[in-house]
Protein backbone atom coordinates (compact mmCIF):
# COMPACT_ATOMS: atom_id res chain seq x y z
CA MET A 1 0.00 0.00 -0.08
CA ASN A 2 1.35 3.43 -1.00
CA VAL A 3 1.03 5.91 1.79
CA ARG A 4 1.76 9.64 1.20
CA PHE A 5 2.73 11.61 4.25
CA SER A 6 2.65 15.47 4.60
CA TYR A 7 6.04 16.81 5.77
CA ALA A 8 4.34 17.76 9.15
CA LYS A 9 3.32 14.17 9.69
CA MET A 10 6.92 12.93 9.20
CA PHE A 11 7.94 14.18 12.75
CA CYS A 12 8.62 11.64 15.38
CA VAL A 13 5.69 11.70 17.79
CA SER A 14 7.11 10.52 21.08
CA LYS A 15 6.50 12.87 24.05
CA LYS A 16 10.21 12.78 24.91
CA THR A 17 11.16 13.88 21.42
CA VAL A 18 8.59 16.76 21.53
CA ILE A 19 10.02 18.04 24.86
CA ALA A 20 13.55 17.89 23.57
CA HIS A 21 12.60 19.68 20.34
CA LYS A 22 10.92 22.53 22.28
CA ARG A 23 13.82 22.99 24.57
CA LEU A 24 16.36 22.95 21.74
CA THR A 25 14.48 25.65 19.81
CA ASP A 26 14.21 27.70 22.99
CA GLY A 27 17.97 27.78 23.28
CA ASN A 28 17.96 25.77 26.59
CA TYR A 29 19.92 22.67 27.49
CA ILE A 30 18.29 19.24 27.14
CA GLU A 31 17.59 17.70 30.48
CA LYS A 32 19.62 14.58 31.46
CA GLY A 33 17.93 11.34 30.49
CA GLU A 34 15.90 12.68 27.58
CA GLU A 35 18.00 10.68 25.06
CA LEU A 36 18.49 13.40 22.50
CA ARG A 37 19.80 11.79 19.28
CA SER A 38 22.87 13.49 17.76
CA ILE A 39 23.47 13.85 14.02
CA ILE A 40 26.29 15.15 12.05
CA ILE A 41 25.74 16.26 8.51
CA ILE A 42 28.70 16.57 6.12
CA GLY A 43 27.86 19.30 3.62
CA GLY A 44 25.84 22.48 3.95
CA GLY A 45 24.25 22.63 0.48
CA ALA A 46 20.60 22.38 -0.26
CA SER A 47 20.10 18.72 0.77
CA GLY A 48 22.33 19.16 3.84
CA MET A 49 20.25 22.20 5.08
CA ALA A 50 16.95 20.34 4.42
CA ALA A 51 18.34 17.28 6.29
CA ALA A 52 19.36 19.42 9.27
CA ILE A 53 16.03 21.10 9.46
CA ALA A 54 14.22 17.74 9.35
CA ALA A 55 16.56 16.25 11.95
CA ALA A 56 16.29 19.14 14.25
CA ARG A 57 12.51 19.37 13.89
CA ASN A 58 12.40 15.70 14.93
CA GLY A 59 14.33 16.58 18.22
CA ALA A 60 18.00 15.67 17.19
CA ASP A 61 21.00 17.61 18.39
CA THR A 62 22.24 18.49 14.92
CA VAL A 63 25.51 19.83 13.41
CA ILE A 64 26.49 20.74 9.81
CA ILE A 65 30.11 20.82 8.82
CA GLU A 66 30.76 22.72 5.51
CA HIS A 67 34.22 23.12 4.17
CA LYS A 68 33.45 26.40 2.38
CA ASP A 69 33.23 29.87 4.11
CA ARG A 70 29.28 29.65 4.01
CA VAL A 71 26.50 27.23 3.52
CA GLY A 72 24.34 27.17 0.43
CA LYS A 73 26.57 28.72 -2.05
CA LYS A 74 25.36 26.70 -5.07
CA ILE A 75 21.78 27.72 -4.32
CA LEU A 76 22.62 31.33 -5.14
CA SER A 77 23.53 30.55 -8.77
CA THR A 78 20.35 28.37 -9.59
CA GLY A 79 17.85 29.69 -11.95
CA ASN A 80 20.14 32.41 -13.20
CA GLY A 81 20.06 33.75 -9.67
CA LYS A 82 16.22 33.50 -9.33
CA CYS A 83 16.23 29.91 -7.82
CA ASN A 84 13.90 27.60 -9.75
CA TYR A 85 13.42 25.49 -6.65
CA THR A 86 10.84 22.97 -7.97
CA ASN A 87 8.62 22.12 -10.82
CA LYS A 88 4.85 21.21 -10.95
CA GLU A 89 5.54 18.51 -13.56
CA GLN A 90 7.03 15.47 -11.79
CA GLY A 91 7.60 11.86 -12.80
CA LEU A 92 10.28 9.28 -13.54
CA ARG A 93 11.06 10.83 -17.03
CA TYR A 94 12.64 13.90 -15.26
CA TYR A 95 15.11 11.84 -13.21
CA ARG A 96 18.15 9.78 -14.38
CA GLY A 97 20.59 7.32 -12.99
CA GLU A 98 21.02 3.53 -13.09
CA ASN A 99 17.70 3.21 -11.18
CA PRO A 100 15.58 6.40 -11.55
CA ALA A 101 12.70 4.61 -9.74
CA PHE A 102 14.81 5.05 -6.63
CA VAL A 103 13.18 8.51 -6.28
CA LEU A 104 9.73 7.27 -5.77
CA PRO A 105 9.76 6.21 -2.10
CA VAL A 106 11.37 9.45 -1.22
CA PHE A 107 8.92 11.61 -3.12
CA GLU A 108 5.99 9.73 -1.64
CA GLN A 109 7.19 11.08 1.66
CA PHE A 110 8.25 14.47 0.61
CA GLY A 111 7.43 15.56 -2.84
CA PHE A 112 6.30 18.73 -4.85
CA LYS A 113 3.35 19.58 -2.67
CA GLU A 114 5.32 19.17 0.57
CA THR A 115 8.11 21.20 -0.90
CA ILE A 116 5.69 24.20 -1.71
CA SER A 117 4.24 23.97 1.86
CA PHE A 118 7.72 23.79 3.45
CA PHE A 119 8.99 26.90 1.74
CA LYS A 120 5.67 28.83 2.20
CA GLU A 121 5.99 28.18 5.95
CA LEU A 122 9.52 29.59 5.77
CA GLY A 123 8.38 32.68 4.06
CA ILE A 124 8.82 31.83 0.42
CA TYR A 125 5.68 32.76 -1.53
CA PRO A 126 5.69 30.79 -4.80
CA LYS A 127 5.67 32.25 -8.27
CA GLU A 128 4.80 29.89 -11.12
CA ARG A 129 5.93 30.27 -14.63
CA ASN A 130 4.94 27.47 -17.03
CA GLY A 131 5.22 24.91 -14.22
CA TYR A 132 8.57 26.20 -12.92
CA PHE A 133 8.45 27.59 -9.36
CA TYR A 134 10.46 30.61 -8.14
CA PRO A 135 10.27 32.66 -4.99
CA ALA A 136 7.99 35.65 -5.54
CA SER A 137 10.96 37.97 -5.08
CA GLU A 138 12.83 36.14 -7.79
CA GLN A 139 15.85 36.15 -5.71
CA ALA A 140 17.88 32.95 -4.95
CA ALA A 141 19.31 34.65 -1.83
CA ALA A 142 15.87 34.70 -0.32
CA VAL A 143 15.66 30.85 -0.37
CA LEU A 144 19.03 30.63 1.31
CA ASP A 145 18.17 33.28 3.76
CA VAL A 146 14.98 31.49 4.95
CA LEU A 147 16.74 28.24 5.28
CA ARG A 148 19.56 29.79 7.31
CA MET A 149 16.96 31.50 9.55
CA GLU A 150 15.19 28.22 10.18
CA LEU A 151 18.43 26.41 11.09
CA ARG A 152 19.21 29.26 13.49
CA ARG A 153 15.70 28.95 14.98
CA LEU A 154 16.21 25.29 15.54
CA GLY A 155 19.49 25.63 17.12
CA VAL A 156 21.43 23.83 14.51
CA PHE A 157 25.13 24.32 14.77
CA ILE A 158 26.98 25.17 11.59
CA TYR A 159 30.78 24.99 11.25
CA THR A 160 32.09 26.58 8.05
CA ASP A 161 35.63 26.50 6.72
CA CYS A 162 35.71 23.20 8.48
CA THR A 163 37.75 20.44 6.67
CA LEU A 164 37.01 16.78 7.30
CA LYS A 165 40.08 14.75 8.26
CA SER A 166 38.68 11.39 9.19
CA ILE A 167 35.51 9.57 10.17
CA LYS A 168 35.11 6.27 11.88
CA LYS A 169 32.36 4.31 13.57
CA ASN A 170 33.04 2.61 16.91
CA LYS A 171 30.16 0.50 18.15
CA ASN A 172 27.13 2.79 17.76
CA LYS A 173 28.90 6.03 17.45
CA PHE A 174 30.52 8.09 14.65
CA THR A 175 33.68 9.94 15.48
CA VAL A 176 34.31 12.72 13.01
CA LEU A 177 37.65 14.44 13.16
CA THR A 178 37.93 17.93 11.48
CA ASP A 179 40.61 20.67 11.50
CA GLN A 180 38.48 22.62 14.07
CA LYS A 181 37.22 19.89 16.59
CA THR A 182 36.22 16.34 16.96
CA PHE A 183 32.50 15.39 16.84
CA THR A 184 30.63 12.32 18.10
CA ALA A 185 27.30 11.38 16.68
CA ASP A 186 24.64 8.68 16.70
CA ALA A 187 24.16 9.10 13.04
CA CYS A 188 25.97 10.68 10.06
CA ILE A 189 24.46 12.06 6.87
CA PHE A 190 26.71 12.63 3.85
CA ALA A 191 25.09 15.54 1.79
CA CYS A 192 28.37 16.52 0.21
CA GLY A 193 27.18 17.02 -3.39
CA GLY A 194 28.58 15.99 -6.64
CA MET A 195 31.57 17.29 -8.57
CA ALA A 196 29.84 20.00 -10.60
CA PHE A 197 30.70 23.63 -9.90
CA PRO A 198 33.52 22.81 -7.44
CA LYS A 199 33.88 26.49 -6.44
CA SER A 200 30.62 26.09 -4.52
CA GLY A 201 32.09 23.19 -2.41
CA SER A 202 30.96 20.22 -4.54
CA ASP A 203 34.46 18.85 -5.30
CA GLY A 204 34.41 15.23 -4.39
CA SER A 205 36.75 15.67 -1.44
CA ALA A 206 34.45 13.70 0.86
CA TYR A 207 34.21 10.56 -1.39
CA PRO A 208 37.15 8.77 -0.04
CA TYR A 209 35.50 8.77 3.44
CA ILE A 210 32.37 7.28 1.86
CA GLU A 211 34.41 4.63 0.10
CA GLN A 212 36.18 3.59 3.22
CA PHE A 213 32.69 2.41 4.54
CA GLY A 214 32.41 0.02 1.58
CA HIS A 215 30.30 2.21 -0.67
CA THR A 216 31.04 2.26 -4.52
CA PHE A 217 30.35 4.96 -7.01
CA THR A 218 29.06 4.78 -10.65
CA ASP A 219 30.80 6.65 -13.33
CA MET A 220 30.71 10.33 -12.47
CA VAL A 221 30.56 12.95 -15.24
CA PRO A 222 29.34 16.45 -15.86
CA ALA A 223 25.63 16.88 -16.49
CA LEU A 224 23.52 19.80 -17.63
CA VAL A 225 26.51 21.22 -19.36
CA GLN A 226 27.69 22.67 -22.69
CA MET A 227 29.03 20.37 -25.35
CA LYS A 228 32.06 20.75 -27.64
CA ALA A 229 32.00 19.94 -31.30
CA LYS A 230 34.70 19.01 -33.88
CA GLN A 231 33.26 21.11 -36.81
CA SER A 232 35.22 24.23 -37.47
CA PHE A 233 32.15 26.20 -38.83
CA PHE A 234 30.90 27.00 -35.30
CA LYS A 235 33.43 29.96 -35.02
CA SER A 236 31.48 31.63 -37.90
CA ILE A 237 28.13 31.25 -36.39
CA ALA A 238 28.87 31.79 -32.69
CA GLY A 239 26.30 33.86 -30.68
CA ILE A 240 23.23 32.70 -32.66
CA ARG A 241 20.26 31.51 -30.66
CA SER A 242 17.54 29.53 -32.46
CA ASP A 243 14.81 26.92 -31.98
CA ILE A 244 16.50 23.65 -32.72
CA SER A 245 15.91 20.04 -32.00
CA ILE A 246 18.83 18.01 -30.93
CA ARG A 247 18.98 14.15 -31.45
CA LEU A 248 21.85 12.50 -29.74
CA TYR A 249 23.33 9.22 -31.12
CA ILE A 250 25.99 7.06 -29.53
CA ASP A 251 27.86 4.72 -31.83
CA ARG A 252 25.13 5.62 -34.37
CA GLN A 253 22.35 4.45 -32.07
CA PHE A 254 19.64 6.93 -31.20
CA VAL A 255 19.71 7.72 -27.46
CA CYS A 256 17.45 10.81 -26.77
CA GLU A 257 16.36 14.17 -28.13
CA ASP A 258 15.38 17.60 -26.90
CA ARG A 259 14.04 20.70 -28.37
CA GLY A 260 14.22 24.45 -27.53
CA GLU A 261 16.42 27.46 -27.75
CA VAL A 262 20.06 26.37 -28.63
CA GLN A 263 22.92 28.64 -28.35
CA LEU A 264 25.64 28.12 -31.09
CA THR A 265 29.00 28.93 -29.60
CA GLU A 266 32.60 29.02 -31.03
CA TYR A 267 33.22 25.57 -29.41
CA GLY A 268 29.94 23.78 -30.03
CA ILE A 269 26.36 24.06 -28.61
CA SER A 270 24.87 25.34 -25.39
CA GLY A 271 21.33 26.09 -23.98
CA ILE A 272 18.77 23.97 -22.25
CA PRO A 273 18.42 21.17 -25.07
CA SER A 274 22.18 20.73 -25.05
CA PHE A 275 22.14 20.43 -21.24
CA GLN A 276 19.28 17.92 -21.27
CA VAL A 277 21.18 15.39 -23.42
CA SER A 278 24.58 16.08 -22.19
CA ARG A 279 24.86 13.57 -19.40
CA TYR A 280 24.51 10.75 -21.95
CA ALA A 281 27.18 12.23 -24.17
CA ALA A 282 29.61 12.69 -21.22
CA ILE A 283 29.09 9.11 -20.11
CA ALA A 284 29.68 7.79 -23.67
CA LEU A 285 32.77 9.88 -24.18
CA LYS A 286 34.23 8.57 -20.92
CA HIS A 287 33.93 5.06 -22.46
CA ARG A 288 35.45 6.31 -25.68
CA GLN A 289 32.32 5.82 -27.77
CA LYS A 290 31.44 7.83 -30.71
CA VAL A 291 29.03 10.59 -29.98
CA GLN A 292 27.16 12.65 -32.68
CA ALA A 293 24.41 15.22 -32.34
CA VAL A 294 21.94 15.75 -35.18
CA LEU A 295 20.62 19.25 -35.35
CA ASP A 296 17.16 20.11 -36.87
CA PHE A 297 17.20 23.85 -37.65
CA MET A 298 13.49 23.80 -38.57
CA PRO A 299 11.77 21.56 -36.13
CA ALA A 300 8.43 23.29 -36.50
CA LEU A 301 8.10 21.89 -40.07
CA SER A 302 7.92 18.36 -41.22
CA ASP A 303 10.53 17.22 -44.03
CA MET A 304 7.96 17.61 -46.75
CA ASP A 305 6.63 20.97 -45.40
CA LEU A 306 10.19 22.48 -45.32
CA GLN A 307 10.95 21.05 -48.69
CA GLN A 308 7.89 22.71 -50.06
CA GLU A 309 8.63 26.10 -48.19
CA LEU A 310 12.14 26.18 -49.77
CA TYR A 311 10.92 25.29 -53.24
CA THR A 312 8.34 28.05 -53.07
CA ARG A 313 10.85 30.57 -51.95
CA PHE A 314 13.56 29.68 -54.48
CA THR A 315 11.16 29.58 -57.45
CA SER A 316 8.65 32.40 -56.81
CA LEU A 317 10.82 35.13 -55.42
CA HIS A 318 12.15 36.42 -58.83
CA GLY A 319 14.99 38.70 -58.73
CA LYS A 320 16.37 37.59 -55.36
CA THR A 321 19.54 35.67 -54.78
CA ALA A 322 19.77 32.40 -53.00
CA GLU A 323 20.86 34.23 -49.80
CA GLU A 324 18.06 36.73 -50.06
CA ALA A 325 15.46 33.93 -50.51
CA LEU A 326 16.28 32.49 -47.01
CA ILE A 327 16.06 35.78 -45.13
CA GLY A 328 13.13 35.61 -42.78
CA LEU A 329 13.33 31.88 -42.42
CA PHE A 330 16.81 31.54 -40.59
CA PRO A 331 18.99 33.99 -38.71
CA LYS A 332 20.99 35.82 -41.37
CA LYS A 333 24.34 34.68 -39.98
CA LEU A 334 23.48 31.04 -40.60
CA ILE A 335 22.52 31.42 -44.25
CA PRO A 336 26.06 31.55 -45.67
CA LEU A 337 26.85 28.35 -43.87
CA PHE A 338 23.78 26.46 -45.06
CA LEU A 339 24.34 27.46 -48.75
CA LYS A 340 28.12 26.78 -48.65
CA GLU A 341 27.56 23.30 -47.19
CA ASN A 342 25.31 22.56 -50.18
CA GLN A 343 27.38 23.98 -52.88
CA ILE A 344 25.03 26.96 -53.50
CA SER A 345 26.49 30.27 -54.13
CA LEU A 346 25.13 33.13 -52.01
CA HIS A 347 24.68 35.28 -55.20
CA ASP A 348 23.13 32.77 -57.56
CA PRO A 349 19.55 33.79 -58.76
CA SER A 350 17.24 31.86 -56.47
CA ASP A 351 14.95 30.74 -59.48
CA GLN A 352 17.87 28.94 -61.15
CA ILE A 353 18.68 26.66 -58.27
CA PRO A 354 17.90 23.10 -59.39
CA ALA A 355 15.13 21.25 -57.60
CA LYS A 356 17.62 18.50 -56.51
CA GLN A 357 19.74 20.98 -54.70
CA ILE A 358 16.74 22.50 -53.00
CA LYS A 359 15.79 19.05 -51.72
CA ASN A 360 19.42 18.38 -50.63
CA LEU A 361 19.40 21.72 -48.79
CA SER A 362 16.07 20.74 -46.97
CA ASP A 363 17.40 17.39 -45.95
CA TYR A 364 20.59 19.06 -44.66
CA LEU A 365 18.66 21.60 -42.52
CA LYS A 366 16.82 18.79 -40.80
CA ASN A 367 19.87 16.68 -40.30
CA VAL A 368 22.98 18.77 -39.51
CA THR A 369 25.34 16.17 -38.03
CA ILE A 370 28.03 17.28 -35.70
CA ASP A 371 30.75 15.26 -33.84
CA ILE A 372 30.71 15.79 -29.99
CA THR A 373 34.20 15.66 -28.70
CA ASP A 374 33.99 16.69 -25.16
CA THR A 375 31.88 18.84 -22.60
CA LYS A 376 32.89 21.97 -20.89
CA GLY A 377 33.61 19.82 -17.79
CA PHE A 378 32.68 20.03 -14.05
CA ASP A 379 33.55 23.66 -13.66
CA ALA A 380 30.69 24.66 -16.06
CA ALA A 381 28.19 21.82 -15.25
CA GLN A 382 24.98 22.40 -13.24
CA CYS A 383 24.94 18.94 -11.73
CA THR A 384 26.71 15.58 -11.69
CA ALA A 385 25.56 12.34 -13.36
CA GLY A 386 26.52 9.27 -11.25
CA GLY A 387 27.20 8.91 -7.55
CA ILE A 388 26.78 6.36 -4.82
CA ARG A 389 25.09 3.21 -6.27
CA THR A 390 21.42 3.23 -5.22
CA LYS A 391 21.49 -0.59 -4.66
CA GLU A 392 23.60 0.18 -1.66
CA ILE A 393 21.06 2.48 -0.01
CA TYR A 394 17.59 1.79 1.31
CA ALA A 395 15.18 3.82 -0.87
CA ASP A 396 12.56 4.51 1.75
CA THR A 397 15.00 5.94 4.51
CA LEU A 398 18.19 6.75 2.44
CA LYS A 399 20.07 4.73 5.04
CA SER A 400 23.18 2.70 4.09
CA ARG A 401 22.58 -1.01 3.54
CA ILE A 402 26.26 -1.39 4.59
CA VAL A 403 26.74 0.73 7.73
CA SER A 404 24.10 1.19 10.35
CA GLY A 405 23.43 4.87 11.05
CA LEU A 406 24.83 6.18 7.81
CA TYR A 407 22.69 8.08 5.44
CA PHE A 408 22.98 9.92 2.17
CA ALA A 409 21.12 12.80 0.52
CA GLY A 410 21.29 14.91 -2.51
CA GLU A 411 23.65 14.83 -5.61
CA VAL A 412 26.06 12.44 -4.03
CA ILE A 413 23.55 9.64 -4.77
CA ASP A 414 23.37 8.33 -8.32
CA ILE A 415 20.36 10.44 -9.16
CA ASP A 416 20.37 13.62 -11.42
CA GLY A 417 17.49 15.54 -12.76
CA MET A 418 16.67 17.48 -15.90
CA CYS A 419 16.82 21.33 -16.12
CA GLY A 420 13.70 22.84 -14.43
CA GLY A 421 14.16 22.69 -10.80
CA TYR A 422 14.42 18.90 -10.64
CA ASN A 423 17.81 18.63 -9.01
CA LEU A 424 16.72 20.94 -6.20
CA GLN A 425 13.61 19.02 -5.85
CA TRP A 426 15.74 15.87 -5.30
CA ALA A 427 17.86 17.87 -2.87
CA TRP A 428 14.89 18.96 -0.63
CA SER A 429 13.22 15.67 -0.80
CA SER A 430 16.18 13.39 -0.06
CA GLY A 431 17.60 15.76 2.53
CA TYR A 432 14.28 15.92 4.44
CA VAL A 433 13.70 12.11 4.26
CA ALA A 434 17.22 11.35 5.28
CA GLY A 435 17.15 13.89 8.20
CA THR A 436 13.85 12.58 9.41
CA HIS A 437 14.91 8.97 9.44
CA ALA A 438 18.27 9.61 10.88
CA ALA A 439 16.56 11.42 13.84
CA CYS A 440 13.81 8.82 14.28
CA ASP A 441 15.31 5.45 13.42
CA LYS A 442 16.77 3.48 16.31
CA GLN A 443 19.88 1.59 15.15
């Protein structure tokens, strides 16, 4: 039976926990014998803060250690600084990994509706744009501010500029050594992110400590990232933005496609459609497979409709050159490239172009094939594809199947989302579920 909980109902309900929670938020000490559970969270990003809030709300004595100078740095850059923090459209097709269905038990506990309620309670009034949700202020800093205020209200201790040195488990306790102090906790949550945008703190430096507990990682590559192409003509068309469909092929086998505004750059392609397919290209390139992208520069028209449009333009616009016949159909900067690639002179009279060349031009425009050689890397990526293998984690609690008391949340797990607020949704959901269970589950 599938049971969906509101985030409020996820709290532990023992009287002892309620008393402990009240005294913690009041800033007072916990009375001896109240068995307050202690949790240390490694990483102060979106998932780490969500985990800390959930744990503290459930009465746990909670600490975040963050090796950068402040928590939540990556949040500030999301949604071009506006923070697209979730999306109304949800489902498995928006999440990727070896086992995308791993997200379902998590979202059943804390999904889209719970996220909206959670942030409204903290002060974020939602603004929807085509299913994408932003704070009404359209400021990512507002999302970070309300999270930090809630952490402060709950009495969560945050240690920044704090570097992890070692972590061990002795009997039922974790001992975490840092360059500032040594912590002891009943449970530990790794919310240390992936490897994308390392300046924000997601640099993979905590991974060796996870591996020492026996956990393994899938291939980790940049995702939601620009792609580099072999073709030299990109330098002549850099800066163009156009509605383009991208079909991705690996070793000549179709993998996926996406359509939208693509930015043509001097190195290749950028824009949301490029981002959406990039994780598959990056994985294939890591395995030295051949990666090609087929660009459709007129996705709004079928093959036959485009051929007819071109034929009409070339044959009926008397007195115009081939270049002039295409003005209004494509960005002007692209027209010389299209004609050159099809052995048509810019200055040839349009009504003298043979029908066969018109058909060849039409076929070309629907199937411009480029060779993908690389991505822009982790420095430019918005998230990481790959992470801890989901088969090593309980999907309903995000607890390790290998080490009791060890939990994971966010991008460090082998789950990545598409553009549109899906990676932040996974961060909030996985963080809140991991924090709740870490505080409530008795090992």
